[in-house]
PDB file of all heavy atoms in Angstrom:
ATOM      1  N   VAL A   1      -4.841   3.345  12.907  1.00  0.00           N
ATOM      2  CA  VAL A   1      -4.036   2.402  12.136  1.00  0.00           C
ATOM      3  C   VAL A   1      -2.783   2.087  12.973  1.00  0.00           C
ATOM      4  O   VAL A   1      -2.167   2.993  13.503  1.00  0.00           O
ATOM      5  CB  VAL A   1      -3.601   3.053  10.789  1.00  0.00           C
ATOM      6  CG1 VAL A   1      -2.627   2.250  10.036  1.00  0.00           C
ATOM      7  CG2 VAL A   1      -4.838   3.417   9.929  1.00  0.00           C
ATOM      8  N   SER A   2      -2.499   0.826  13.077  1.00  0.00           N
ATOM      9  CA  SER A   2      -1.325   0.368  13.812  1.00  0.00           C
ATOM     10  C   SER A   2      -0.029   0.676  13.130  1.00  0.00           C
ATOM     11  O   SER A   2       0.083   0.679  11.934  1.00  0.00           O
ATOM     12  CB  SER A   2      -1.443  -1.147  14.093  1.00  0.00           C
ATOM     13  OG  SER A   2      -0.235  -1.671  14.536  1.00  0.00           O
ATOM     14  N   ILE A   3       1.059   0.919  13.981  1.00  0.00           N
ATOM     15  CA  ILE A   3       2.340   1.092  13.380  1.00  0.00           C
ATOM     16  C   ILE A   3       2.768  -0.124  12.610  1.00  0.00           C
ATOM     17  O   ILE A   3       3.614  -0.021  11.747  1.00  0.00           O
ATOM     18  CB  ILE A   3       3.327   1.582  14.425  1.00  0.00           C
ATOM     19  CG1 ILE A   3       3.652   0.569  15.465  1.00  0.00           C
ATOM     20  CG2 ILE A   3       3.054   2.925  14.953  1.00  0.00           C
ATOM     21  CD1 ILE A   3       4.811   0.856  16.406  1.00  0.00           C
ATOM     22  N   CYS A   4       2.220  -1.289  12.990  1.00  0.00           N
ATOM     23  CA  CYS A   4       2.602  -2.557  12.336  1.00  0.00           C
ATOM     24  C   CYS A   4       2.290  -2.497  10.769  1.00  0.00           C
ATOM     25  O   CYS A   4       2.857  -3.199  10.010  1.00  0.00           O
ATOM     26  CB  CYS A   4       1.897  -3.751  12.950  1.00  0.00           C
ATOM     27  SG  CYS A   4       2.340  -3.995  14.670  1.00  0.00           S
ATOM     28  N   ALA A   5       1.322  -1.640  10.409  1.00  0.00           N
ATOM     29  CA  ALA A   5       0.991  -1.546   8.959  1.00  0.00           C
ATOM     30  C   ALA A   5       2.181  -1.045   8.159  1.00  0.00           C
ATOM     31  O   ALA A   5       2.081  -1.081   6.912  1.00  0.00           O
ATOM     32  CB  ALA A   5      -0.183  -0.588   8.843  1.00  0.00           C
ATOM     33  N   PHE A   6       3.211  -0.483   8.798  1.00  0.00           N
ATOM     34  CA  PHE A   6       4.358   0.039   8.111  1.00  0.00           C
ATOM     35  C   PHE A   6       5.625  -0.721   8.420  1.00  0.00           C
ATOM     36  O   PHE A   6       6.710  -0.228   8.098  1.00  0.00           O
ATOM     37  CB  PHE A   6       4.486   1.526   8.443  1.00  0.00           C
ATOM     38  CG  PHE A   6       3.197   2.316   8.179  1.00  0.00           C
ATOM     39  CD1 PHE A   6       2.268   2.591   9.237  1.00  0.00           C
ATOM     40  CD2 PHE A   6       2.829   2.621   6.964  1.00  0.00           C
ATOM     41  CE1 PHE A   6       1.074   3.171   8.960  1.00  0.00           C
ATOM     42  CE2 PHE A   6       1.553   3.209   6.637  1.00  0.00           C
ATOM     43  CZ  PHE A   6       0.783   3.496   7.656  1.00  0.00           C
ATOM     44  N   ASP A   7       5.451  -1.932   8.912  1.00  0.00           N
ATOM     45  CA  ASP A   7       6.678  -2.740   9.152  1.00  0.00           C
ATOM     46  C   ASP A   7       7.101  -3.429   7.824  1.00  0.00           C
ATOM     47  O   ASP A   7       6.274  -3.810   7.029  1.00  0.00           O
ATOM     48  CB  ASP A   7       6.321  -3.899  10.153  1.00  0.00           C
ATOM     49  CG  ASP A   7       6.201  -3.455  11.546  1.00  0.00           C
ATOM     50  OD1 ASP A   7       6.697  -2.356  11.849  1.00  0.00           O
ATOM     51  OD2 ASP A   7       5.685  -4.219  12.377  1.00  0.00           O
ATOM     52  N   LEU A   8       8.437  -3.612   7.712  1.00  0.00           N
ATOM     53  CA  LEU A   8       9.008  -4.429   6.685  1.00  0.00           C
ATOM     54  C   LEU A   8       8.793  -5.877   7.064  1.00  0.00           C
ATOM     55  O   LEU A   8       9.001  -6.206   8.290  1.00  0.00           O
ATOM     56  CB  LEU A   8      10.427  -4.135   6.416  1.00  0.00           C
ATOM     57  CG  LEU A   8      10.763  -2.796   5.929  1.00  0.00           C
ATOM     58  CD1 LEU A   8      12.306  -2.589   5.968  1.00  0.00           C
ATOM     59  CD2 LEU A   8      10.247  -2.590   4.511  1.00  0.00           C
ATOM     60  N   ARG A   9       8.360  -6.709   6.211  1.00  0.00           N
ATOM     61  CA  ARG A   9       8.221  -8.140   6.495  1.00  0.00           C
ATOM     62  C   ARG A   9       9.553  -8.802   6.229  1.00  0.00           C
ATOM     63  O   ARG A   9       9.948  -9.100   5.152  1.00  0.00           O
ATOM     64  CB  ARG A   9       7.107  -8.786   5.711  1.00  0.00           C
ATOM     65  CG  ARG A   9       5.783  -8.202   6.083  1.00  0.00           C
ATOM     66  CD  ARG A   9       4.639  -8.690   5.233  1.00  0.00           C
ATOM     67  NE  ARG A   9       4.791  -8.261   3.829  1.00  0.00           N
ATOM     68  CZ  ARG A   9       3.941  -8.474   2.885  1.00  0.00           C
ATOM     69  NH1 ARG A   9       2.844  -9.116   3.129  1.00  0.00           N
ATOM     70  NH2 ARG A   9       4.189  -8.027   1.691  1.00  0.00           N
ATOM     71  N   LEU A  10      10.243  -9.047   7.355  1.00  0.00           N
ATOM     72  CA  LEU A  10      11.659  -9.614   7.264  1.00  0.00           C
ATOM     73  C   LEU A  10      11.665 -11.150   7.380  1.00  0.00           C
ATOM     74  O   LEU A  10      12.672 -11.760   7.144  1.00  0.00           O
ATOM     75  CB  LEU A  10      12.487  -9.070   8.390  1.00  0.00           C
ATOM     76  CG  LEU A  10      12.543  -7.495   8.333  1.00  0.00           C
ATOM     77  CD1 LEU A  10      13.327  -7.031   9.572  1.00  0.00           C
ATOM     78  CD2 LEU A  10      13.182  -7.001   7.050  1.00  0.00           C
ATOM     79  N   ASN A  11      10.512 -11.807   7.620  1.00  0.00           N
ATOM     80  CA  ASN A  11      10.346 -13.256   7.820  1.00  0.00           C
ATOM     81  C   ASN A  11      10.110 -13.954   6.531  1.00  0.00           C
ATOM     82  O   ASN A  11       9.642 -15.046   6.504  1.00  0.00           O
ATOM     83  CB  ASN A  11       9.289 -13.549   8.843  1.00  0.00           C
ATOM     84  CG  ASN A  11       7.917 -13.057   8.430  1.00  0.00           C
ATOM     85  OD1 ASN A  11       7.759 -12.211   7.518  1.00  0.00           O
ATOM     86  ND2 ASN A  11       6.877 -13.460   9.111  1.00  0.00           N
ATOM     87  N   ARG A  12      10.341 -13.335   5.395  1.00  0.00           N
ATOM     88  CA  ARG A  12      10.180 -13.960   4.122  1.00  0.00           C
ATOM     89  C   ARG A  12      11.435 -14.513   3.491  1.00  0.00           C
ATOM     90  O   ARG A  12      12.543 -14.246   4.027  1.00  0.00           O
ATOM     91  CB  ARG A  12       9.640 -12.853   3.109  1.00  0.00           C
ATOM     92  CG  ARG A  12       8.381 -12.261   3.675  1.00  0.00           C
ATOM     93  CD  ARG A  12       7.637 -11.459   2.577  1.00  0.00           C
ATOM     94  NE  ARG A  12       6.287 -11.457   2.999  1.00  0.00           N
ATOM     95  CZ  ARG A  12       5.309 -11.619   2.190  1.00  0.00           C
ATOM     96  NH1 ARG A  12       5.503 -11.918   0.956  1.00  0.00           N
ATOM     97  NH2 ARG A  12       4.092 -11.504   2.598  1.00  0.00           N
ATOM     98  N   THR A  13      11.326 -15.388   2.556  1.00  0.00           N
ATOM     99  CA  THR A  13      12.490 -15.970   1.907  1.00  0.00           C
ATOM    100  C   THR A  13      13.428 -14.869   1.487  1.00  0.00           C
ATOM    101  O   THR A  13      14.592 -14.903   1.690  1.00  0.00           O
ATOM    102  CB  THR A  13      12.059 -16.872   0.700  1.00  0.00           C
ATOM    103  OG1 THR A  13      11.088 -17.765   1.095  1.00  0.00           O
ATOM    104  CG2 THR A  13      13.237 -17.542   0.056  1.00  0.00           C
ATOM    105  N   ILE A  14      12.854 -13.893   0.839  1.00  0.00           N
ATOM    106  CA  ILE A  14      13.635 -12.633   0.473  1.00  0.00           C
ATOM    107  C   ILE A  14      12.961 -11.487   1.272  1.00  0.00           C
ATOM    108  O   ILE A  14      11.845 -11.050   0.957  1.00  0.00           O
ATOM    109  CB  ILE A  14      13.579 -12.331  -1.024  1.00  0.00           C
ATOM    110  CG1 ILE A  14      14.084 -13.528  -1.820  1.00  0.00           C
ATOM    111  CG2 ILE A  14      14.289 -11.022  -1.303  1.00  0.00           C
ATOM    112  CD1 ILE A  14      13.989 -13.462  -3.301  1.00  0.00           C
ATOM    113  N   PRO A  15      13.629 -11.000   2.336  1.00  0.00           N
ATOM    114  CA  PRO A  15      13.029  -9.968   3.177  1.00  0.00           C
ATOM    115  C   PRO A  15      12.689  -8.700   2.335  1.00  0.00           C
ATOM    116  O   PRO A  15      13.405  -8.357   1.379  1.00  0.00           O
ATOM    117  CB  PRO A  15      14.153  -9.639   4.197  1.00  0.00           C
ATOM    118  CG  PRO A  15      15.046 -10.853   4.248  1.00  0.00           C
ATOM    119  CD  PRO A  15      14.984 -11.421   2.805  1.00  0.00           C
ATOM    120  N   GLU A  16      11.665  -7.992   2.691  1.00  0.00           N
ATOM    121  CA  GLU A  16      11.286  -6.855   1.998  1.00  0.00           C
ATOM    122  C   GLU A  16      12.260  -5.658   2.231  1.00  0.00           C
ATOM    123  O   GLU A  16      12.813  -5.576   3.304  1.00  0.00           O
ATOM    124  CB  GLU A  16       9.867  -6.351   2.553  1.00  0.00           C
ATOM    125  CG  GLU A  16       8.748  -7.150   2.063  1.00  0.00           C
ATOM    126  CD  GLU A  16       7.392  -6.640   2.558  1.00  0.00           C
ATOM    127  OE1 GLU A  16       7.319  -6.019   3.693  1.00  0.00           O
ATOM    128  OE2 GLU A  16       6.421  -6.830   1.836  1.00  0.00           O
ATOM    129  N   GLU A  17      12.374  -4.892   1.197  1.00  0.00           N
ATOM    130  CA  GLU A  17      13.276  -3.688   1.312  1.00  0.00           C
ATOM    131  C   GLU A  17      12.394  -2.481   1.443  1.00  0.00           C
ATOM    132  O   GLU A  17      12.966  -1.401   1.868  1.00  0.00           O
ATOM    133  CB  GLU A  17      14.162  -3.577   0.053  1.00  0.00           C
ATOM    134  CG  GLU A  17      15.138  -4.681  -0.101  1.00  0.00           C
ATOM    135  CD  GLU A  17      16.049  -4.544  -1.286  1.00  0.00           C
ATOM    136  OE1 GLU A  17      16.094  -3.382  -1.816  1.00  0.00           O
ATOM    137  OE2 GLU A  17      16.665  -5.503  -1.706  1.00  0.00           O
ATOM    138  N   PHE A  18      11.169  -2.586   1.112  1.00  0.00           N
ATOM    139  CA  PHE A  18      10.248  -1.407   1.113  1.00  0.00           C
ATOM    140  C   PHE A  18       8.876  -1.791   1.426  1.00  0.00           C
ATOM    141  O   PHE A  18       8.470  -2.962   1.334  1.00  0.00           O
ATOM    142  CB  PHE A  18      10.336  -0.607  -0.156  1.00  0.00           C
ATOM    143  CG  PHE A  18       9.938  -1.347  -1.324  1.00  0.00           C
ATOM    144  CD1 PHE A  18       8.589  -1.462  -1.732  1.00  0.00           C
ATOM    145  CD2 PHE A  18      10.907  -1.924  -2.184  1.00  0.00           C
ATOM    146  CE1 PHE A  18       8.238  -2.217  -2.827  1.00  0.00           C
ATOM    147  CE2 PHE A  18      10.523  -2.637  -3.311  1.00  0.00           C
ATOM    148  CZ  PHE A  18       9.202  -2.788  -3.687  1.00  0.00           C
ATOM    149  N   VAL A  19       8.043  -0.874   1.933  1.00  0.00           N
ATOM    150  CA  VAL A  19       6.603  -1.031   2.204  1.00  0.00           C
ATOM    151  C   VAL A  19       5.923  -0.594   0.907  1.00  0.00           C
ATOM    152  O   VAL A  19       6.157   0.536   0.488  1.00  0.00           O
ATOM    153  CB  VAL A  19       6.172  -0.216   3.422  1.00  0.00           C
ATOM    154  CG1 VAL A  19       4.708  -0.460   3.650  1.00  0.00           C
ATOM    155  CG2 VAL A  19       6.921  -0.708   4.653  1.00  0.00           C
ATOM    156  N   SER A  20       5.022  -1.446   0.401  1.00  0.00           N
ATOM    157  CA  SER A  20       4.358  -1.122  -0.882  1.00  0.00           C
ATOM    158  C   SER A  20       3.246  -0.086  -0.635  1.00  0.00           C
ATOM    159  O   SER A  20       2.404  -0.214   0.302  1.00  0.00           O
ATOM    160  CB  SER A  20       3.779  -2.368  -1.496  1.00  0.00           C
ATOM    161  OG  SER A  20       4.867  -3.113  -2.012  1.00  0.00           O
ATOM    162  N   PHE A  21       3.137   0.880  -1.588  1.00  0.00           N
ATOM    163  CA  PHE A  21       2.097   1.874  -1.688  1.00  0.00           C
ATOM    164  C   PHE A  21       1.793   1.926  -3.169  1.00  0.00           C
ATOM    165  O   PHE A  21       2.508   1.474  -4.011  1.00  0.00           O
ATOM    166  CB  PHE A  21       2.560   3.241  -1.136  1.00  0.00           C
ATOM    167  CG  PHE A  21       2.494   3.378   0.289  1.00  0.00           C
ATOM    168  CD1 PHE A  21       3.521   2.969   1.105  1.00  0.00           C
ATOM    169  CD2 PHE A  21       1.411   3.958   0.928  1.00  0.00           C
ATOM    170  CE1 PHE A  21       3.529   3.053   2.447  1.00  0.00           C
ATOM    171  CE2 PHE A  21       1.349   4.102   2.261  1.00  0.00           C
ATOM    172  CZ  PHE A  21       2.399   3.694   3.052  1.00  0.00           C
ATOM    173  N   PHE A  22       0.690   2.672  -3.413  1.00  0.00           N
ATOM    174  CA  PHE A  22       0.294   3.027  -4.797  1.00  0.00           C
ATOM    175  C   PHE A  22       0.146   4.578  -4.839  1.00  0.00           C
ATOM    176  O   PHE A  22      -0.481   5.186  -3.977  1.00  0.00           O
ATOM    177  CB  PHE A  22      -0.958   2.341  -5.296  1.00  0.00           C
ATOM    178  CG  PHE A  22      -0.791   0.849  -5.359  1.00  0.00           C
ATOM    179  CD1 PHE A  22      -1.274  -0.006  -4.394  1.00  0.00           C
ATOM    180  CD2 PHE A  22      -0.186   0.297  -6.462  1.00  0.00           C
ATOM    181  CE1 PHE A  22      -1.113  -1.305  -4.458  1.00  0.00           C
ATOM    182  CE2 PHE A  22      -0.038  -1.111  -6.575  1.00  0.00           C
ATOM    183  CZ  PHE A  22      -0.529  -1.941  -5.533  1.00  0.00           C
ATOM    184  N   LEU A  23       0.723   5.191  -5.924  1.00  0.00           N
ATOM    185  CA  LEU A  23       0.462   6.587  -6.152  1.00  0.00           C
ATOM    186  C   LEU A  23      -1.038   6.682  -6.617  1.00  0.00           C
ATOM    187  O   LEU A  23      -1.366   6.198  -7.638  1.00  0.00           O
ATOM    188  CB  LEU A  23       1.337   7.103  -7.232  1.00  0.00           C
ATOM    189  CG  LEU A  23       1.342   8.654  -7.414  1.00  0.00           C
ATOM    190  CD1 LEU A  23       1.764   9.357  -6.125  1.00  0.00           C
ATOM    191  CD2 LEU A  23       2.312   9.019  -8.595  1.00  0.00           C
ATOM    192  N   SER A  24      -1.861   7.251  -5.777  1.00  0.00           N
ATOM    193  CA  SER A  24      -3.317   7.322  -6.084  1.00  0.00           C
ATOM    194  C   SER A  24      -3.668   8.369  -7.115  1.00  0.00           C
ATOM    195  O   SER A  24      -3.074   9.405  -7.096  1.00  0.00           O
ATOM    196  CB  SER A  24      -4.109   7.404  -4.855  1.00  0.00           C
ATOM    197  OG  SER A  24      -3.785   8.607  -4.141  1.00  0.00           O
ATOM    198  N   ARG A  25      -4.482   7.887  -8.038  1.00  0.00           N
ATOM    199  CA  ARG A  25      -4.915   8.815  -9.206  1.00  0.00           C
ATOM    200  C   ARG A  25      -6.388   9.096  -9.054  1.00  0.00           C
ATOM    201  O   ARG A  25      -7.162   8.204  -8.712  1.00  0.00           O
ATOM    202  CB  ARG A  25      -4.520   8.110 -10.501  1.00  0.00           C
ATOM    203  CG  ARG A  25      -3.084   7.813 -10.614  1.00  0.00           C
ATOM    204  CD  ARG A  25      -2.816   6.890 -11.730  1.00  0.00           C
ATOM    205  NE  ARG A  25      -3.337   5.562 -11.354  1.00  0.00           N
ATOM    206  CZ  ARG A  25      -3.131   4.445 -12.097  1.00  0.00           C
ATOM    207  NH1 ARG A  25      -2.370   4.465 -13.125  1.00  0.00           N
ATOM    208  NH2 ARG A  25      -3.736   3.324 -11.801  1.00  0.00           N
ATOM    209  N   GLY A  26      -6.742  10.251  -9.397  1.00  0.00           N
ATOM    210  CA  GLY A  26      -8.194  10.669  -9.332  1.00  0.00           C
ATOM    211  C   GLY A  26      -8.261  12.066  -8.955  1.00  0.00           C
ATOM    212  O   GLY A  26      -7.384  12.670  -8.350  1.00  0.00           O
ATOM    213  N   ARG A  27      -9.395  12.679  -9.272  1.00  0.00           N
ATOM    214  CA  ARG A  27      -9.637  14.055  -8.894  1.00  0.00           C
ATOM    215  C   ARG A  27     -10.209  14.206  -7.510  1.00  0.00           C
ATOM    216  O   ARG A  27      -9.793  15.072  -6.747  1.00  0.00           O
ATOM    217  CB  ARG A  27     -10.630  14.683  -9.878  1.00  0.00           C
ATOM    218  CG  ARG A  27     -10.003  14.849 -11.236  1.00  0.00           C
ATOM    219  CD  ARG A  27     -10.979  15.637 -12.166  1.00  0.00           C
ATOM    220  NE  ARG A  27     -10.551  15.414 -13.553  1.00  0.00           N
ATOM    221  CZ  ARG A  27     -11.294  15.132 -14.561  1.00  0.00           C
ATOM    222  NH1 ARG A  27     -12.596  15.143 -14.357  1.00  0.00           N
ATOM    223  NH2 ARG A  27     -10.807  15.053 -15.697  1.00  0.00           N
ATOM    224  N   SER A  28     -11.101  13.291  -7.169  1.00  0.00           N
ATOM    225  CA  SER A  28     -11.782  13.442  -5.855  1.00  0.00           C
ATOM    226  C   SER A  28     -11.085  12.408  -4.929  1.00  0.00           C
ATOM    227  O   SER A  28     -10.380  11.447  -5.351  1.00  0.00           O
ATOM    228  CB  SER A  28     -13.214  13.113  -5.976  1.00  0.00           C
ATOM    229  OG  SER A  28     -13.462  11.778  -6.303  1.00  0.00           O
ATOM    230  N   ASN A  29     -11.334  12.621  -3.648  1.00  0.00           N
ATOM    231  CA  ASN A  29     -10.882  11.639  -2.649  1.00  0.00           C
ATOM    232  C   ASN A  29     -11.423  10.320  -2.894  1.00  0.00           C
ATOM    233  O   ASN A  29     -10.690   9.273  -2.797  1.00  0.00           O
ATOM    234  CB  ASN A  29     -11.275  12.186  -1.221  1.00  0.00           C
ATOM    235  CG  ASN A  29     -10.250  11.834  -0.180  1.00  0.00           C
ATOM    236  OD1 ASN A  29      -9.003  11.692  -0.513  1.00  0.00           O
ATOM    237  ND2 ASN A  29     -10.657  11.720   1.042  1.00  0.00           N
ATOM    238  N   GLU A  30     -12.709  10.170  -3.305  1.00  0.00           N
ATOM    239  CA  GLU A  30     -13.287   8.899  -3.528  1.00  0.00           C
ATOM    240  C   GLU A  30     -12.699   8.200  -4.733  1.00  0.00           C
ATOM    241  O   GLU A  30     -12.374   7.006  -4.641  1.00  0.00           O
ATOM    242  CB  GLU A  30     -14.886   9.062  -3.840  1.00  0.00           C
ATOM    243  CG  GLU A  30     -15.491   7.712  -4.137  1.00  0.00           C
ATOM    244  CD  GLU A  30     -17.037   7.952  -4.264  1.00  0.00           C
ATOM    245  OE1 GLU A  30     -17.561   8.964  -4.085  1.00  0.00           O
ATOM    246  OE2 GLU A  30     -17.673   6.865  -4.561  1.00  0.00           O
ATOM    247  N   GLU A  31     -12.300   8.991  -5.829  1.00  0.00           N
ATOM    248  CA  GLU A  31     -11.668   8.384  -6.922  1.00  0.00           C
ATOM    249  C   GLU A  31     -10.288   7.838  -6.561  1.00  0.00           C
ATOM    250  O   GLU A  31      -9.824   6.765  -7.048  1.00  0.00           O
ATOM    251  CB  GLU A  31     -11.585   9.398  -8.036  1.00  0.00           C
ATOM    252  CG  GLU A  31     -12.899   9.646  -8.748  1.00  0.00           C
ATOM    253  CD  GLU A  31     -12.786  10.801  -9.779  1.00  0.00           C
ATOM    254  OE1 GLU A  31     -11.718  11.508  -9.864  1.00  0.00           O
ATOM    255  OE2 GLU A  31     -13.700  10.921 -10.633  1.00  0.00           O
ATOM    256  N   LYS A  32      -9.625   8.575  -5.667  1.00  0.00           N
ATOM    257  CA  LYS A  32      -8.246   8.123  -5.257  1.00  0.00           C
ATOM    258  C   LYS A  32      -8.389   6.843  -4.429  1.00  0.00           C
ATOM    259  O   LYS A  32      -7.584   5.940  -4.643  1.00  0.00           O
ATOM    260  CB  LYS A  32      -7.585   9.247  -4.465  1.00  0.00           C
ATOM    261  CG  LYS A  32      -7.165  10.381  -5.242  1.00  0.00           C
ATOM    262  CD  LYS A  32      -6.501  11.494  -4.458  1.00  0.00           C
ATOM    263  CE  LYS A  32      -6.009  12.598  -5.316  1.00  0.00           C
ATOM    264  NZ  LYS A  32      -5.225  13.532  -4.542  1.00  0.00           N
ATOM    265  N   PHE A  33      -9.340   6.690  -3.536  1.00  0.00           N
ATOM    266  CA  PHE A  33      -9.544   5.544  -2.729  1.00  0.00           C
ATOM    267  C   PHE A  33      -9.915   4.320  -3.703  1.00  0.00           C
ATOM    268  O   PHE A  33      -9.364   3.236  -3.620  1.00  0.00           O
ATOM    269  CB  PHE A  33     -10.588   5.720  -1.705  1.00  0.00           C
ATOM    270  CG  PHE A  33     -10.124   6.278  -0.418  1.00  0.00           C
ATOM    271  CD1 PHE A  33     -10.282   7.613  -0.187  1.00  0.00           C
ATOM    272  CD2 PHE A  33      -9.467   5.518   0.506  1.00  0.00           C
ATOM    273  CE1 PHE A  33      -9.816   8.175   1.062  1.00  0.00           C
ATOM    274  CE2 PHE A  33      -9.045   6.015   1.749  1.00  0.00           C
ATOM    275  CZ  PHE A  33      -9.170   7.416   1.984  1.00  0.00           C
ATOM    276  N   GLN A  34     -10.794   4.599  -4.692  1.00  0.00           N
ATOM    277  CA  GLN A  34     -11.154   3.547  -5.635  1.00  0.00           C
ATOM    278  C   GLN A  34      -9.947   3.075  -6.463  1.00  0.00           C
ATOM    279  O   GLN A  34      -9.759   1.917  -6.652  1.00  0.00           O
ATOM    280  CB  GLN A  34     -12.268   4.053  -6.579  1.00  0.00           C
ATOM    281  CG  GLN A  34     -13.588   4.150  -5.847  1.00  0.00           C
ATOM    282  CD  GLN A  34     -14.601   4.807  -6.757  1.00  0.00           C
ATOM    283  OE1 GLN A  34     -14.304   5.497  -7.732  1.00  0.00           O
ATOM    284  NE2 GLN A  34     -15.905   4.637  -6.385  1.00  0.00           N
ATOM    285  N   ASP A  35      -9.127   4.039  -6.835  1.00  0.00           N
ATOM    286  CA  ASP A  35      -7.905   3.717  -7.621  1.00  0.00           C
ATOM    287  C   ASP A  35      -6.989   2.765  -6.845  1.00  0.00           C
ATOM    288  O   ASP A  35      -6.510   1.748  -7.301  1.00  0.00           O
ATOM    289  CB  ASP A  35      -7.170   4.909  -8.086  1.00  0.00           C
ATOM    290  CG  ASP A  35      -5.949   4.680  -8.872  1.00  0.00           C
ATOM    291  OD1 ASP A  35      -6.103   3.996  -9.931  1.00  0.00           O
ATOM    292  OD2 ASP A  35      -4.882   5.075  -8.495  1.00  0.00           O
ATOM    293  N   VAL A  36      -6.699   3.109  -5.585  1.00  0.00           N
ATOM    294  CA  VAL A  36      -5.860   2.292  -4.751  1.00  0.00           C
ATOM    295  C   VAL A  36      -6.429   0.956  -4.533  1.00  0.00           C
ATOM    296  O   VAL A  36      -5.799  -0.106  -4.593  1.00  0.00           O
ATOM    297  CB  VAL A  36      -5.573   3.007  -3.424  1.00  0.00           C
ATOM    298  CG1 VAL A  36      -4.700   2.065  -2.482  1.00  0.00           C
ATOM    299  CG2 VAL A  36      -4.722   4.284  -3.625  1.00  0.00           C
ATOM    300  N   LEU A  37      -7.767   0.884  -4.383  1.00  0.00           N
ATOM    301  CA  LEU A  37      -8.439  -0.438  -4.192  1.00  0.00           C
ATOM    302  C   LEU A  37      -8.210  -1.279  -5.497  1.00  0.00           C
ATOM    303  O   LEU A  37      -7.890  -2.487  -5.381  1.00  0.00           O
ATOM    304  CB  LEU A  37      -9.919  -0.220  -3.923  1.00  0.00           C
ATOM    305  CG  LEU A  37     -10.765  -1.552  -3.823  1.00  0.00           C
ATOM    306  CD1 LEU A  37     -10.247  -2.490  -2.762  1.00  0.00           C
ATOM    307  CD2 LEU A  37     -12.227  -1.149  -3.509  1.00  0.00           C
ATOM    308  N   ARG A  38      -8.405  -0.721  -6.654  1.00  0.00           N
ATOM    309  CA  ARG A  38      -8.246  -1.486  -7.920  1.00  0.00           C
ATOM    310  C   ARG A  38      -6.816  -1.923  -7.999  1.00  0.00           C
ATOM    311  O   ARG A  38      -6.565  -3.083  -8.406  1.00  0.00           O
ATOM    312  CB  ARG A  38      -8.652  -0.603  -9.071  1.00  0.00           C
ATOM    313  CG  ARG A  38     -10.051  -0.575  -9.450  1.00  0.00           C
ATOM    314  CD  ARG A  38     -10.254   0.063 -10.844  1.00  0.00           C
ATOM    315  NE  ARG A  38     -10.007   1.494 -10.828  1.00  0.00           N
ATOM    316  CZ  ARG A  38     -10.905   2.444 -10.512  1.00  0.00           C
ATOM    317  NH1 ARG A  38     -12.154   2.089 -10.163  1.00  0.00           N
ATOM    318  NH2 ARG A  38     -10.534   3.724 -10.562  1.00  0.00           N
ATOM    319  N   GLN A  39      -5.838  -1.030  -7.750  1.00  0.00           N
ATOM    320  CA  GLN A  39      -4.471  -1.484  -7.804  1.00  0.00           C
ATOM    321  C   GLN A  39      -4.156  -2.571  -6.812  1.00  0.00           C
ATOM    322  O   GLN A  39      -3.420  -3.496  -7.176  1.00  0.00           O
ATOM    323  CB  GLN A  39      -3.531  -0.223  -7.550  1.00  0.00           C
ATOM    324  CG  GLN A  39      -3.630   0.864  -8.579  1.00  0.00           C
ATOM    325  CD  GLN A  39      -3.150   0.321  -9.977  1.00  0.00           C
ATOM    326  OE1 GLN A  39      -2.319  -0.484 -10.100  1.00  0.00           O
ATOM    327  NE2 GLN A  39      -3.769   0.859 -10.981  1.00  0.00           N
ATOM    328  N   SER A  40      -4.633  -2.456  -5.612  1.00  0.00           N
ATOM    329  CA  SER A  40      -4.385  -3.498  -4.620  1.00  0.00           C
ATOM    330  C   SER A  40      -4.964  -4.833  -4.946  1.00  0.00           C
ATOM    331  O   SER A  40      -4.317  -5.784  -4.827  1.00  0.00           O
ATOM    332  CB  SER A  40      -4.991  -3.056  -3.251  1.00  0.00           C
ATOM    333  OG  SER A  40      -4.392  -1.838  -2.801  1.00  0.00           O
ATOM    334  N   GLU A  41      -6.237  -4.830  -5.525  1.00  0.00           N
ATOM    335  CA  GLU A  41      -6.867  -6.014  -5.937  1.00  0.00           C
ATOM    336  C   GLU A  41      -6.134  -6.690  -7.086  1.00  0.00           C
ATOM    337  O   GLU A  41      -6.231  -7.914  -7.185  1.00  0.00           O
ATOM    338  CB  GLU A  41      -8.331  -5.728  -6.356  1.00  0.00           C
ATOM    339  CG  GLU A  41      -9.202  -5.464  -5.165  1.00  0.00           C
ATOM    340  CD  GLU A  41     -10.682  -5.126  -5.553  1.00  0.00           C
ATOM    341  OE1 GLU A  41     -10.932  -4.543  -6.590  1.00  0.00           O
ATOM    342  OE2 GLU A  41     -11.496  -5.543  -4.752  1.00  0.00           O
TER     343      GLU A  41
END
């Protein structure tokens, strides 16, 4: 994973203040990945 994945996007009309993540929910690793995918979509 590139360090660019954690850059703030400053070239926007309103520059970002934070990098977005989701608190993943689920018991298993697979459930956590699925949860983040659903939230992202």
